[in-house]
Protein backbone atom coordinates (compact mmCIF):
# COMPACT_ATOMS: atom_id res chain seq x y z
CA UNK A 1 -18.21 9.28 3.99
CA UNK A 2 -15.56 6.63 3.84
CA UNK A 3 -12.31 6.72 5.73
CA UNK A 4 -9.01 6.59 3.91
CA UNK A 5 -8.34 3.16 5.42
CA UNK A 6 -11.59 1.79 3.92
CA UNK A 7 -10.66 3.21 0.53
CA UNK A 8 -7.19 1.64 0.82
CA UNK A 9 -8.73 -1.70 1.70
CA UNK A 10 -10.96 -1.56 -1.37
CA UNK A 11 -7.97 -0.59 -3.51
CA UNK A 12 -6.06 -3.65 -2.32
CA UNK A 13 -9.02 -5.90 -3.12
CA UNK A 14 -9.21 -4.40 -6.61
CA UNK A 15 -5.47 -4.64 -7.22
CA UNK A 16 -4.95 -8.27 -6.18
CA UNK A 17 -6.80 -9.77 -9.19
CA UNK A 18 -4.85 -7.45 -11.48
CA UNK A 19 -1.60 -8.58 -9.87
CA UNK A 20 -2.68 -12.19 -10.43
CA UNK A 21 -3.27 -11.40 -14.12
CA UNK A 22 0.14 -9.74 -14.32
CA UNK A 23 1.76 -12.82 -12.79
CA UNK A 24 -0.04 -15.03 -15.31
CA UNK A 25 1.08 -12.71 -18.10
CA UNK A 26 4.63 -12.84 -16.81
CA UNK A 27 4.54 -16.63 -16.63
CA UNK A 28 2.84 -17.45 -19.90
CA UNK A 29 3.77 -14.75 -22.42
CA UNK A 30 6.97 -13.57 -24.01
CA UNK A 31 6.50 -10.08 -22.52
CA UNK A 32 8.07 -11.02 -19.20
CA UNK A 33 9.79 -7.66 -18.70
CA UNK A 34 6.59 -5.67 -19.29
CA UNK A 35 4.58 -7.75 -16.84
CA UNK A 36 7.42 -7.73 -14.31
CA UNK A 37 7.48 -3.94 -14.60
CA UNK A 38 3.71 -3.78 -14.09
CA UNK A 39 4.04 -5.94 -10.98
CA UNK A 40 6.92 -3.86 -9.62
CA UNK A 41 5.18 -0.55 -10.27
CA UNK A 42 1.87 -1.76 -8.85
CA UNK A 43 3.51 -2.93 -5.64
CA UNK A 44 5.34 0.38 -5.23
CA UNK A 45 2.10 2.25 -5.97
CA UNK A 46 0.28 0.22 -3.32
CA UNK A 47 3.11 0.95 -0.87
CA UNK A 48 2.76 4.67 -1.64
CA UNK A 49 -0.95 4.63 -0.97
CA UNK A 50 -0.37 2.71 2.28
CA UNK A 51 2.15 5.37 3.31
CA UNK A 52 -0.41 8.07 2.57
CA UNK A 53 -3.04 6.33 4.71
CA UNK A 54 -0.63 5.82 7.60
CA UNK A 55 0.68 9.39 7.53
CA UNK A 56 -2.86 10.77 7.31
CA UNK A 57 -3.96 8.78 10.35
CA UNK A 58 -0.92 9.96 12.32
CA UNK A 59 -1.59 13.54 11.30
CA UNK A 60 -5.24 13.31 12.39
CA UNK A 61 -4.20 11.80 15.71
CA UNK A 62 -1.66 14.54 16.36
CA UNK A 63 -4.25 17.23 15.56
CA UNK A 64 -6.74 15.62 17.96
CA UNK A 65 -4.10 15.59 20.69
CA UNK A 66 -3.11 19.18 19.98
CA UNK A 67 0.43 18.33 18.95
CA UNK A 68 2.40 19.45 15.94
CA UNK A 69 3.07 16.91 13.29
CA UNK A 70 6.27 16.81 11.29
CA UNK A 71 6.27 14.29 8.47
CA UNK A 72 8.39 13.17 5.57
CA UNK A 73 5.41 11.56 3.85
CA UNK A 74 5.71 13.32 0.51
CA UNK A 75 9.46 12.82 0.41
CA UNK A 76 9.06 9.11 1.13
CA UNK A 77 6.46 8.73 -1.61
CA UNK A 78 8.70 10.53 -4.11
CA UNK A 79 11.62 8.37 -3.01
CA UNK A 80 9.65 5.16 -3.52
CA UNK A 81 8.68 6.28 -7.02
CA UNK A 82 12.30 7.03 -7.78
CA UNK A 83 13.30 3.66 -6.29
CA UNK A 84 10.86 1.82 -8.55
CA UNK A 85 12.21 3.64 -11.60
CA UNK A 86 15.80 3.05 -10.45
CA UNK A 87 15.20 -0.68 -10.07
CA UNK A 88 13.63 -0.86 -13.53
CA UNK A 89 16.44 1.22 -15.04
CA UNK A 90 19.22 -0.74 -13.36
CA UNK A 91 17.78 -4.10 -14.45
CA UNK A 92 16.34 -3.55 -17.94
CA UNK A 93 16.62 -7.27 -18.74
CA UNK A 94 14.19 -7.97 -15.85
CA UNK A 95 11.86 -4.93 -15.76
CA UNK A 96 10.43 -2.66 -18.43
CA UNK A 97 10.58 1.00 -17.36
CA UNK A 98 7.34 1.94 -19.12
CA UNK A 99 5.59 -1.06 -17.56
CA UNK A 100 6.89 0.00 -14.14
CA UNK A 101 5.67 3.57 -14.52
CA UNK A 102 2.32 2.32 -15.86
CA UNK A 103 1.97 -0.06 -12.91
CA UNK A 104 2.86 2.76 -10.53
CA UNK A 105 0.08 4.92 -11.94
CA UNK A 106 -2.41 2.05 -12.15
CA UNK A 107 -3.47 2.41 -8.53
CA UNK A 108 -4.41 6.04 -9.11
CA UNK A 109 -6.55 5.05 -12.10
CA UNK A 110 -8.26 2.42 -9.95
CA UNK A 111 -8.76 5.06 -7.26
CA UNK A 112 -10.33 7.46 -9.74
CA UNK A 113 -12.71 4.82 -11.11
CA UNK A 114 -13.61 3.70 -7.58
CA UNK A 115 -14.42 7.25 -6.49
CA UNK A 116 -16.57 7.85 -9.58
CA UNK A 117 -18.51 4.62 -8.95
CA UNK A 118 -18.87 5.48 -5.26
CA UNK A 119 -20.26 8.94 -5.96
CA UNK A 120 -22.61 7.74 -8.72
CA UNK A 121 -24.04 5.07 -6.41
CA UNK A 122 -24.53 7.51 -3.57
CA UNK A 123 -26.11 10.16 -5.80
CA UNK A 124 -28.63 7.59 -7.02
CA UNK A 125 -29.45 6.68 -3.42
CA UNK A 126 -30.60 10.21 -2.61
């Protein structure tokens, strides 16, 4: 079984080439706002996943030490999603809102595909 940190590391490695493609699309096409929105949303999505990993590790550590854990993890993740949408909405000449939301959800699609591939490979190994 993989740890959440290992999954996050693999997500970053999968997202970096996509971000490079988005930067190339932003630089060489006329759809600058769409690609800028994809970049913005992807970065906020990666930040959200990093927050989830960090909060999960803190929670596990507090459970091991027998302490209670109070966290604002979900609120921070919601706030970052709202912040990404607010940035795209406040600067429509720079960022496309639909591109931002799509980029935000892109990491979860990558996560789903990664988990499917992981489980298929490990089922074949049995």
